[in-house]
Amino acid sequence: MIDRSGLAEFLRNRREALQPEDVGMPRGQRRRTQGLRREEVAVLCNMSTDYYSRLERQRGPQPSPQMLASIAQGLHLTIDERDHLFRLAGHNPPPRGSSSEHISPGLLRVLDRLEDTPAEIVTELGETLRQTPMGVALTGDTTRYTGPARSTGYRWFTDPAARRLYAPEEHAFMTRMYAAGLRGLVTLRGPGSRAASLADLLLEQSEEFRQVWDQHEIGLRPHEVKHFVHPEVGPLELSCQRLVDPDQAHSLMVYTAVPGTESYEKLQVLSVIGAQALR
């Protein structure tokens, strides 16, 4: 059963504890509100201000698990706070661990400060959970996919368009890398895991995957320097740094170019293209 007063109090408390700079928003002038405004939280949670405001006023329908997940992420809740939010709203919390899509506040804080840098947060299966604007400008909106296609590795073997973003000389290694990475996850997570289901699906759908899967390679690591072929700015040589959240099995991927190089200049052009697309 929903605890309306407890839910309202908890949401108000968490909203007032956050400052705009904590969530990557400009502070602006003449700010009198303690913490975030309700309309700012609504933007962060991808919902209407009216809907969110009714929750703080102990009104409206019981929020769905999907709405609660958006609120938990928008308010930068910890995993314990997320579970508390779900229970207040009368729902069982989602599972924790490798299958969880709740991003830790620490990773979100770092991502929020990388607005001028291509970056993304991905699951261990290569599903994009969040991107910076420059990340979208570099690879497109990879959060839009649904089903198995959310996985970068799945798209690599089933969608020819997935390979156009990478230099042809990288393709053979990336094919082996994706297969080896998935095999490692199947062994780690077990036969009933999402990784095992994805492997079974690819074995049914891709002859190329079956061939590399049979080689039983393991432990191939991504190259630190990646060679992209962007449709608007052309070849890009970018270094990829990875920050891992072991509790949630999420990774923050940050792409940078060496200052003074042609790729660095192209990233500046890409930032202008990305800004224009957002407008």
C-alpha atoms as a PDB file:
ATOM      1  CA  MET A   1       0.000   0.000   0.000  1.00  0.00           C
ATOM      2  CA  ILE A   2       1.251   3.471  -0.875  1.00  0.00           C
ATOM      3  CA  ASP A   3       2.383   5.692   2.009  1.00  0.00           C
ATOM      4  CA  ARG A   4       1.399   9.061   0.532  1.00  0.00           C
ATOM      5  CA  SER A   5       2.637  11.236   3.361  1.00  0.00           C
ATOM      6  CA  GLY A   6       5.907   9.350   3.662  1.00  0.00           C
ATOM      7  CA  LEU A   7       6.434   9.462  -0.101  1.00  0.00           C
ATOM      8  CA  ALA A   8       5.706  13.186  -0.262  1.00  0.00           C
ATOM      9  CA  GLU A   9       8.029  13.946   2.644  1.00  0.00           C
ATOM     10  CA  PHE A  10      10.841  11.838   1.194  1.00  0.00           C
ATOM     11  CA  LEU A  11      10.585  13.419  -2.268  1.00  0.00           C
ATOM     12  CA  ARG A  12      10.522  16.935  -0.820  1.00  0.00           C
ATOM     13  CA  ASN A  13      13.509  16.188   1.397  1.00  0.00           C
ATOM     14  CA  ARG A  14      15.591  14.796  -1.462  1.00  0.00           C
ATOM     15  CA  ARG A  15      14.629  17.640  -3.811  1.00  0.00           C
ATOM     16  CA  GLU A  16      15.612  20.290  -1.272  1.00  0.00           C
ATOM     17  CA  ALA A  17      18.927  18.545  -0.612  1.00  0.00           C
ATOM     18  CA  LEU A  18      20.022  18.885  -4.258  1.00  0.00           C
ATOM     19  CA  GLN A  19      21.532  22.005  -5.817  1.00  0.00           C
ATOM     20  CA  PRO A  20      21.381  22.731  -9.576  1.00  0.00           C
ATOM     21  CA  GLU A  21      25.131  22.205  -9.944  1.00  0.00           C
ATOM     22  CA  ASP A  22      24.745  18.741  -8.376  1.00  0.00           C
ATOM     23  CA  VAL A  23      22.709  17.601 -11.382  1.00  0.00           C
ATOM     24  CA  GLY A  24      24.410  19.548 -14.171  1.00  0.00           C
ATOM     25  CA  MET A  25      21.941  22.451 -14.259  1.00  0.00           C
ATOM     26  CA  PRO A  26      22.800  26.174 -14.270  1.00  0.00           C
ATOM     27  CA  ARG A  27      22.022  27.968 -11.010  1.00  0.00           C
ATOM     28  CA  GLY A  28      20.822  31.198 -12.597  1.00  0.00           C
ATOM     29  CA  GLN A  29      20.187  34.479 -10.795  1.00  0.00           C
ATOM     30  CA  ARG A  30      17.738  35.441  -8.058  1.00  0.00           C
ATOM     31  CA  ARG A  31      17.382  31.902  -6.831  1.00  0.00           C
ATOM     32  CA  ARG A  32      15.309  31.712  -3.643  1.00  0.00           C
ATOM     33  CA  THR A  33      14.209  28.074  -3.663  1.00  0.00           C
ATOM     34  CA  GLN A  34      15.930  25.768  -1.215  1.00  0.00           C
ATOM     35  CA  GLY A  35      17.399  23.040  -3.396  1.00  0.00           C
ATOM     36  CA  LEU A  36      15.849  22.258  -6.764  1.00  0.00           C
ATOM     37  CA  ARG A  37      12.533  23.600  -8.021  1.00  0.00           C
ATOM     38  CA  ARG A  38       9.755  21.128  -8.753  1.00  0.00           C
ATOM     39  CA  GLU A  39       9.876  21.973 -12.455  1.00  0.00           C
ATOM     40  CA  GLU A  40      13.610  21.208 -12.499  1.00  0.00           C
ATOM     41  CA  VAL A  41      13.030  17.809 -10.912  1.00  0.00           C
ATOM     42  CA  ALA A  42      10.286  17.131 -13.446  1.00  0.00           C
ATOM     43  CA  VAL A  43      12.731  17.787 -16.301  1.00  0.00           C
ATOM     44  CA  LEU A  44      15.318  15.488 -14.724  1.00  0.00           C
ATOM     45  CA  CYS A  45      12.687  12.764 -14.283  1.00  0.00           C
ATOM     46  CA  ASN A  46      11.145  13.126 -17.773  1.00  0.00           C
ATOM     47  CA  MET A  47       7.661  13.855 -16.476  1.00  0.00           C
ATOM     48  CA  SER A  48       5.300  16.806 -16.207  1.00  0.00           C
ATOM     49  CA  THR A  49       5.677  19.315 -13.393  1.00  0.00           C
ATOM     50  CA  ASP A  50       2.019  18.767 -12.510  1.00  0.00           C
ATOM     51  CA  TYR A  51       2.521  15.009 -12.088  1.00  0.00           C
ATOM     52  CA  TYR A  52       5.560  15.408  -9.864  1.00  0.00           C
ATOM     53  CA  SER A  53       3.947  18.212  -7.838  1.00  0.00           C
ATOM     54  CA  ARG A  54       0.922  16.060  -7.071  1.00  0.00           C
ATOM     55  CA  LEU A  55       3.174  13.394  -5.567  1.00  0.00           C
ATOM     56  CA  GLU A  56       4.690  15.960  -3.199  1.00  0.00           C
ATOM     57  CA  ARG A  57       1.169  17.095  -2.297  1.00  0.00           C
ATOM     58  CA  GLN A  58      -0.011  13.544  -1.515  1.00  0.00           C
ATOM     59  CA  ARG A  59      -2.313  13.463  -4.527  1.00  0.00           C
ATOM     60  CA  GLY A  60      -2.623  11.712  -7.860  1.00  0.00           C
ATOM     61  CA  PRO A  61      -2.447   8.015  -8.822  1.00  0.00           C
ATOM     62  CA  GLN A  62       0.007   5.504  -7.461  1.00  0.00           C
ATOM     63  CA  PRO A  63       3.221   5.956  -9.504  1.00  0.00           C
ATOM     64  CA  SER A  64       4.249   3.012 -11.662  1.00  0.00           C
ATOM     65  CA  PRO A  65       7.616   1.255 -11.258  1.00  0.00           C
ATOM     66  CA  GLN A  66       8.765   2.982 -14.467  1.00  0.00           C
ATOM     67  CA  MET A  67       7.899   6.400 -13.034  1.00  0.00           C
ATOM     68  CA  LEU A  68       9.626   5.569  -9.769  1.00  0.00           C
ATOM     69  CA  ALA A  69      12.773   4.472 -11.607  1.00  0.00           C
ATOM     70  CA  SER A  70      12.821   7.820 -13.447  1.00  0.00           C
ATOM     71  CA  ILE A  71      12.343   9.731 -10.197  1.00  0.00           C
ATOM     72  CA  ALA A  72      15.095   7.754  -8.452  1.00  0.00           C
ATOM     73  CA  GLN A  73      17.506   8.496 -11.284  1.00  0.00           C
ATOM     74  CA  GLY A  74      16.472  12.128 -11.629  1.00  0.00           C
ATOM     75  CA  LEU A  75      16.946  12.783  -7.906  1.00  0.00           C
ATOM     76  CA  HIS A  76      20.318  10.997  -7.948  1.00  0.00           C
ATOM     77  CA  LEU A  77      19.201   8.533  -5.269  1.00  0.00           C
ATOM     78  CA  THR A  78      21.518   5.871  -3.914  1.00  0.00           C
ATOM     79  CA  ILE A  79      20.457   2.269  -4.380  1.00  0.00           C
ATOM     80  CA  ASP A  80      19.183   2.139  -0.771  1.00  0.00           C
ATOM     81  CA  GLU A  81      17.210   5.362  -1.288  1.00  0.00           C
ATOM     82  CA  ARG A  82      15.777   3.978  -4.521  1.00  0.00           C
ATOM     83  CA  ASP A  83      14.557   0.855  -2.721  1.00  0.00           C
ATOM     84  CA  HIS A  84      13.031   3.025   0.024  1.00  0.00           C
ATOM     85  CA  LEU A  85      11.229   5.109  -2.613  1.00  0.00           C
ATOM     86  CA  PHE A  86       9.705   1.997  -4.191  1.00  0.00           C
ATOM     87  CA  ARG A  87       8.484   0.687  -0.840  1.00  0.00           C
ATOM     88  CA  LEU A  88       6.922   4.022   0.092  1.00  0.00           C
ATOM     89  CA  ALA A  89       5.036   3.936  -3.210  1.00  0.00           C
ATOM     90  CA  GLY A  90       3.768   0.400  -2.529  1.00  0.00           C
ATOM     91  CA  HIS A  91       6.043  -1.522  -4.918  1.00  0.00           C
ATOM     92  CA  ASN A  92       8.773  -4.095  -4.480  1.00  0.00           C
ATOM     93  CA  PRO A  93      12.183  -2.643  -5.392  1.00  0.00           C
ATOM     94  CA  PRO A  94      13.844  -3.814  -8.631  1.00  0.00           C
ATOM     95  CA  PRO A  95      16.711  -6.305  -8.344  1.00  0.00           C
ATOM     96  CA  ARG A  96      20.191  -5.079  -7.511  1.00  0.00           C
ATOM     97  CA  GLY A  97      23.492  -6.119  -9.029  1.00  0.00           C
ATOM     98  CA  SER A  98      24.432  -6.787 -12.645  1.00  0.00           C
ATOM     99  CA  SER A  99      20.850  -6.599 -13.948  1.00  0.00           C
ATOM    100  CA  SER A 100      20.124  -3.235 -12.312  1.00  0.00           C
ATOM    101  CA  GLU A 101      19.875  -0.141 -14.507  1.00  0.00           C
ATOM    102  CA  HIS A 102      19.938   2.327 -11.633  1.00  0.00           C
ATOM    103  CA  ILE A 103      23.025   4.519 -12.057  1.00  0.00           C
ATOM    104  CA  SER A 104      24.912   5.395  -8.890  1.00  0.00           C
ATOM    105  CA  PRO A 105      24.925   9.091  -7.874  1.00  0.00           C
ATOM    106  CA  GLY A 106      28.730   9.110  -8.116  1.00  0.00           C
ATOM    107  CA  LEU A 107      28.776   8.122 -11.798  1.00  0.00           C
ATOM    108  CA  LEU A 108      25.971  10.576 -12.542  1.00  0.00           C
ATOM    109  CA  ARG A 109      27.872  13.434 -10.883  1.00  0.00           C
ATOM    110  CA  VAL A 110      30.896  12.737 -13.037  1.00  0.00           C
ATOM    111  CA  LEU A 111      28.792  12.459 -16.201  1.00  0.00           C
ATOM    112  CA  ASP A 112      26.985  15.726 -15.433  1.00  0.00           C
ATOM    113  CA  ARG A 113      30.346  17.525 -15.460  1.00  0.00           C
ATOM    114  CA  LEU A 114      31.370  16.195 -18.881  1.00  0.00           C
ATOM    115  CA  GLU A 115      28.958  18.191 -21.009  1.00  0.00           C
ATOM    116  CA  ASP A 116      31.685  19.211 -23.493  1.00  0.00           C
ATOM    117  CA  THR A 117      33.093  15.658 -23.768  1.00  0.00           C
ATOM    118  CA  PRO A 118      31.743  12.527 -25.477  1.00  0.00           C
ATOM    119  CA  ALA A 119      30.817  10.173 -22.646  1.00  0.00           C
ATOM    120  CA  GLU A 120      28.274   7.477 -21.841  1.00  0.00           C
ATOM    121  CA  ILE A 121      27.275   5.104 -19.059  1.00  0.00           C
ATOM    122  CA  VAL A 122      26.755   1.508 -20.184  1.00  0.00           C
ATOM    123  CA  THR A 123      25.826  -1.820 -18.611  1.00  0.00           C
ATOM    124  CA  GLU A 124      28.076  -4.862 -18.788  1.00  0.00           C
ATOM    125  CA  LEU A 125      26.109  -5.959 -21.891  1.00  0.00           C
ATOM    126  CA  GLY A 126      26.866  -2.665 -23.621  1.00  0.00           C
ATOM    127  CA  GLU A 127      23.421  -1.120 -23.131  1.00  0.00           C
ATOM    128  CA  THR A 128      23.624   2.673 -23.033  1.00  0.00           C
ATOM    129  CA  LEU A 129      21.854   4.141 -19.997  1.00  0.00           C
ATOM    130  CA  ARG A 130      22.896   7.778 -20.311  1.00  0.00           C
ATOM    131  CA  GLN A 131      24.913   9.949 -22.731  1.00  0.00           C
ATOM    132  CA  THR A 132      26.308  13.456 -22.684  1.00  0.00           C
ATOM    133  CA  PRO A 133      25.220  15.750 -25.550  1.00  0.00           C
ATOM    134  CA  MET A 134      28.654  15.246 -27.107  1.00  0.00           C
ATOM    135  CA  GLY A 135      28.232  11.506 -26.714  1.00  0.00           C
ATOM    136  CA  VAL A 136      25.054  11.713 -28.787  1.00  0.00           C
ATOM    137  CA  ALA A 137      26.863  13.872 -31.360  1.00  0.00           C
ATOM    138  CA  LEU A 138      29.592  11.230 -31.650  1.00  0.00           C
ATOM    139  CA  THR A 139      27.632   7.966 -31.809  1.00  0.00           C
ATOM    140  CA  GLY A 140      23.992   9.025 -32.149  1.00  0.00           C
ATOM    141  CA  ASP A 141      21.341   8.434 -29.486  1.00  0.00           C
ATOM    142  CA  THR A 142      22.112   4.862 -28.452  1.00  0.00           C
ATOM    143  CA  THR A 143      19.598   4.988 -25.588  1.00  0.00           C
ATOM    144  CA  ARG A 144      16.747   4.760 -28.104  1.00  0.00           C
ATOM    145  CA  TYR A 145      17.090   1.041 -28.780  1.00  0.00           C
ATOM    146  CA  THR A 146      14.783  -1.539 -27.229  1.00  0.00           C
ATOM    147  CA  GLY A 147      14.979  -5.281 -26.636  1.00  0.00           C
ATOM    148  CA  PRO A 148      18.187  -7.155 -27.497  1.00  0.00           C
ATOM    149  CA  ALA A 149      19.220  -4.298 -29.812  1.00  0.00           C
ATOM    150  CA  ARG A 150      20.030  -2.232 -26.723  1.00  0.00           C
ATOM    151  CA  SER A 151      23.276  -4.219 -26.545  1.00  0.00           C
ATOM    152  CA  THR A 152      26.130  -2.856 -28.652  1.00  0.00           C
ATOM    153  CA  GLY A 153      27.441  -6.374 -29.171  1.00  0.00           C
ATOM    154  CA  TYR A 154      24.073  -7.617 -30.415  1.00  0.00           C
ATOM    155  CA  ARG A 155      23.837  -4.746 -32.905  1.00  0.00           C
ATOM    156  CA  TRP A 156      27.386  -5.453 -34.081  1.00  0.00           C
ATOM    157  CA  PHE A 157      26.343  -8.879 -35.367  1.00  0.00           C
ATOM    158  CA  THR A 158      22.793  -8.102 -36.505  1.00  0.00           C
ATOM    159  CA  ASP A 159      22.789  -4.525 -37.826  1.00  0.00           C
ATOM    160  CA  PRO A 160      25.298  -3.566 -40.559  1.00  0.00           C
ATOM    161  CA  ALA A 161      24.857   0.117 -39.663  1.00  0.00           C
ATOM    162  CA  ALA A 162      26.526  -0.535 -36.297  1.00  0.00           C
ATOM    163  CA  ARG A 163      29.896  -1.011 -38.005  1.00  0.00           C
ATOM    164  CA  ARG A 164      29.896   2.164 -40.085  1.00  0.00           C
ATOM    165  CA  LEU A 165      31.011   4.246 -37.118  1.00  0.00           C
ATOM    166  CA  TYR A 166      34.310   2.348 -36.822  1.00  0.00           C
ATOM    167  CA  ALA A 167      37.305   2.155 -39.161  1.00  0.00           C
ATOM    168  CA  PRO A 168      37.230  -1.041 -41.276  1.00  0.00           C
ATOM    169  CA  GLU A 169      40.642  -2.155 -39.966  1.00  0.00           C
ATOM    170  CA  GLU A 170      39.083  -2.378 -36.468  1.00  0.00           C
ATOM    171  CA  HIS A 171      36.216  -4.668 -37.462  1.00  0.00           C
ATOM    172  CA  ALA A 172      37.925  -8.066 -37.223  1.00  0.00           C
ATOM    173  CA  PHE A 173      39.273  -7.399 -33.738  1.00  0.00           C
ATOM    174  CA  MET A 174      35.965  -5.947 -32.505  1.00  0.00           C
ATOM    175  CA  THR A 175      34.105  -9.017 -33.756  1.00  0.00           C
ATOM    176  CA  ARG A 176      36.389 -11.257 -31.694  1.00  0.00           C
ATOM    177  CA  MET A 177      36.265  -8.865 -28.721  1.00  0.00           C
ATOM    178  CA  TYR A 178      32.454  -8.790 -28.529  1.00  0.00           C
ATOM    179  CA  ALA A 179      32.220 -12.583 -28.722  1.00  0.00           C
ATOM    180  CA  ALA A 180      34.952 -13.072 -26.108  1.00  0.00           C
ATOM    181  CA  GLY A 181      33.390 -10.505 -23.783  1.00  0.00           C
ATOM    182  CA  LEU A 182      29.974 -12.137 -23.988  1.00  0.00           C
ATOM    183  CA  ARG A 183      31.476 -15.581 -23.370  1.00  0.00           C
ATOM    184  CA  GLY A 184      33.136 -14.267 -20.229  1.00  0.00           C
ATOM    185  CA  LEU A 185      29.840 -12.832 -18.998  1.00  0.00           C
ATOM    186  CA  VAL A 186      27.965 -16.078 -19.685  1.00  0.00           C
ATOM    187  CA  THR A 187      30.509 -17.946 -17.571  1.00  0.00           C
ATOM    188  CA  LEU A 188      30.355 -15.301 -14.834  1.00  0.00           C
ATOM    189  CA  ARG A 189      26.565 -14.879 -14.666  1.00  0.00           C
ATOM    190  CA  GLY A 190      25.456 -18.437 -15.429  1.00  0.00           C
ATOM    191  CA  PRO A 191      23.101 -20.242 -17.829  1.00  0.00           C
ATOM    192  CA  GLY A 192      19.935 -18.421 -16.750  1.00  0.00           C
ATOM    193  CA  SER A 193      21.393 -14.934 -17.128  1.00  0.00           C
ATOM    194  CA  ARG A 194      20.606 -12.177 -19.625  1.00  0.00           C
ATOM    195  CA  ALA A 195      24.090 -12.700 -21.067  1.00  0.00           C
ATOM    196  CA  ALA A 196      23.288 -16.364 -21.780  1.00  0.00           C
ATOM    197  CA  SER A 197      19.982 -15.409 -23.414  1.00  0.00           C
ATOM    198  CA  LEU A 198      21.768 -12.877 -25.620  1.00  0.00           C
ATOM    199  CA  ALA A 199      24.359 -15.478 -26.648  1.00  0.00           C
ATOM    200  CA  ASP A 200      21.612 -17.982 -27.543  1.00  0.00           C
ATOM    201  CA  LEU A 201      19.869 -15.341 -29.629  1.00  0.00           C
ATOM    202  CA  LEU A 202      23.044 -14.475 -31.518  1.00  0.00           C
ATOM    203  CA  LEU A 203      23.831 -18.158 -32.109  1.00  0.00           C
ATOM    204  CA  GLU A 204      20.427 -18.434 -33.811  1.00  0.00           C
ATOM    205  CA  GLN A 205      20.709 -15.247 -35.861  1.00  0.00           C
ATOM    206  CA  SER A 206      24.340 -14.756 -36.883  1.00  0.00           C
ATOM    207  CA  GLU A 207      26.610 -17.172 -38.732  1.00  0.00           C
ATOM    208  CA  GLU A 208      29.559 -14.855 -38.095  1.00  0.00           C
ATOM    209  CA  PHE A 209      28.883 -14.956 -34.360  1.00  0.00           C
ATOM    210  CA  ARG A 210      28.684 -18.765 -34.412  1.00  0.00           C
ATOM    211  CA  GLN A 211      32.105 -18.921 -36.072  1.00  0.00           C
ATOM    212  CA  VAL A 212      33.875 -16.649 -33.571  1.00  0.00           C
ATOM    213  CA  TRP A 213      31.963 -18.178 -30.636  1.00  0.00           C
ATOM    214  CA  ASP A 214      33.334 -21.600 -31.568  1.00  0.00           C
ATOM    215  CA  GLN A 215      36.887 -20.252 -31.257  1.00  0.00           C
ATOM    216  CA  HIS A 216      36.256 -19.955 -27.491  1.00  0.00           C
ATOM    217  CA  GLU A 217      38.409 -16.847 -27.073  1.00  0.00           C
ATOM    218  CA  ILE A 218      38.329 -15.115 -23.715  1.00  0.00           C
ATOM    219  CA  GLY A 219      39.841 -12.023 -22.098  1.00  0.00           C
ATOM    220  CA  LEU A 220      40.185  -9.739 -25.139  1.00  0.00           C
ATOM    221  CA  ARG A 221      40.328  -6.131 -23.928  1.00  0.00           C
ATOM    222  CA  PRO A 222      39.143  -3.114 -25.937  1.00  0.00           C
ATOM    223  CA  HIS A 223      41.882  -0.999 -27.483  1.00  0.00           C
ATOM    224  CA  GLU A 224      42.470   2.194 -25.525  1.00  0.00           C
ATOM    225  CA  VAL A 225      42.601   4.193 -28.773  1.00  0.00           C
ATOM    226  CA  LYS A 226      39.504   3.844 -30.915  1.00  0.00           C
ATOM    227  CA  HIS A 227      39.227   4.810 -34.580  1.00  0.00           C
ATOM    228  CA  PHE A 228      35.816   6.231 -35.454  1.00  0.00           C
ATOM    229  CA  VAL A 229      34.500   7.248 -38.857  1.00  0.00           C
ATOM    230  CA  HIS A 230      31.949   9.975 -38.206  1.00  0.00           C
ATOM    231  CA  PRO A 231      29.455  10.718 -41.014  1.00  0.00           C
ATOM    232  CA  GLU A 232      30.025  14.497 -40.742  1.00  0.00           C
ATOM    233  CA  VAL A 233      33.587  15.076 -39.556  1.00  0.00           C
ATOM    234  CA  GLY A 234      35.265  11.927 -40.879  1.00  0.00           C
ATOM    235  CA  PRO A 235      37.999   9.856 -39.172  1.00  0.00           C
ATOM    236  CA  LEU A 236      38.535  10.393 -35.449  1.00  0.00           C
ATOM    237  CA  GLU A 237      41.253   8.902 -33.249  1.00  0.00           C
ATOM    238  CA  LEU A 238      39.992   8.990 -29.666  1.00  0.00           C
ATOM    239  CA  SER A 239      41.310   7.603 -26.406  1.00  0.00           C
ATOM    240  CA  CYS A 240      38.735   5.824 -24.247  1.00  0.00           C
ATOM    241  CA  GLN A 241      38.991   5.953 -20.454  1.00  0.00           C
ATOM    242  CA  ARG A 242      36.729   3.713 -18.417  1.00  0.00           C
ATOM    243  CA  LEU A 243      35.471   4.209 -14.858  1.00  0.00           C
ATOM    244  CA  VAL A 244      33.761   1.121 -13.406  1.00  0.00           C
ATOM    245  CA  ASP A 245      31.083   0.888 -10.719  1.00  0.00           C
ATOM    246  CA  PRO A 246      31.575  -2.721  -9.539  1.00  0.00           C
ATOM    247  CA  ASP A 247      28.395  -2.799  -7.439  1.00  0.00           C
ATOM    248  CA  GLN A 248      26.130  -2.048 -10.401  1.00  0.00           C
ATOM    249  CA  ALA A 249      28.353  -3.475 -13.183  1.00  0.00           C
ATOM    250  CA  HIS A 250      28.150  -0.132 -14.982  1.00  0.00           C
ATOM    251  CA  SER A 251      30.965   1.663 -16.806  1.00  0.00           C
ATOM    252  CA  LEU A 252      31.454   5.338 -17.554  1.00  0.00           C
ATOM    253  CA  MET A 253      33.182   5.625 -20.943  1.00  0.00           C
ATOM    254  CA  VAL A 254      34.919   8.937 -21.731  1.00  0.00           C
ATOM    255  CA  TYR A 255      36.332   9.708 -25.187  1.00  0.00           C
ATOM    256  CA  THR A 256      39.073  12.318 -25.610  1.00  0.00           C
ATOM    257  CA  ALA A 257      41.498  13.463 -28.293  1.00  0.00           C
ATOM    258  CA  VAL A 258      45.101  14.608 -27.883  1.00  0.00           C
ATOM    259  CA  PRO A 259      45.168  18.454 -27.897  1.00  0.00           C
ATOM    260  CA  GLY A 260      46.598  19.901 -31.089  1.00  0.00           C
ATOM    261  CA  THR A 261      45.714  16.893 -33.239  1.00  0.00           C
ATOM    262  CA  GLU A 262      43.300  16.827 -36.156  1.00  0.00           C
ATOM    263  CA  SER A 263      40.926  14.677 -34.104  1.00  0.00           C
ATOM    264  CA  TYR A 264      40.928  17.315 -31.346  1.00  0.00           C
ATOM    265  CA  GLU A 265      39.914  19.988 -33.854  1.00  0.00           C
ATOM    266  CA  LYS A 266      37.202  17.738 -35.245  1.00  0.00           C
ATOM    267  CA  LEU A 267      35.758  17.251 -31.762  1.00  0.00           C
ATOM    268  CA  GLN A 268      35.388  21.024 -31.495  1.00  0.00           C
ATOM    269  CA  VAL A 269      33.455  20.992 -34.771  1.00  0.00           C
ATOM    270  CA  LEU A 270      31.365  18.116 -33.476  1.00  0.00           C
ATOM    271  CA  SER A 271      30.470  20.103 -30.358  1.00  0.00           C
ATOM    272  CA  VAL A 272      29.029  22.857 -32.571  1.00  0.00           C
ATOM    273  CA  ILE A 273      27.076  20.310 -34.631  1.00  0.00           C
ATOM    274  CA  GLY A 274      25.749  18.715 -31.452  1.00  0.00           C
ATOM    275  CA  ALA A 275      24.688  22.065 -29.988  1.00  0.00           C
ATOM    276  CA  GLN A 276      22.850  22.959 -33.193  1.00  0.00           C
ATOM    277  CA  ALA A 277      21.064  19.597 -33.171  1.00  0.00           C
ATOM    278  CA  LEU A 278      19.934  20.132 -29.572  1.00  0.00           C
ATOM    279  CA  ARG A 279      18.525  23.549 -30.435  1.00  0.00           C
END
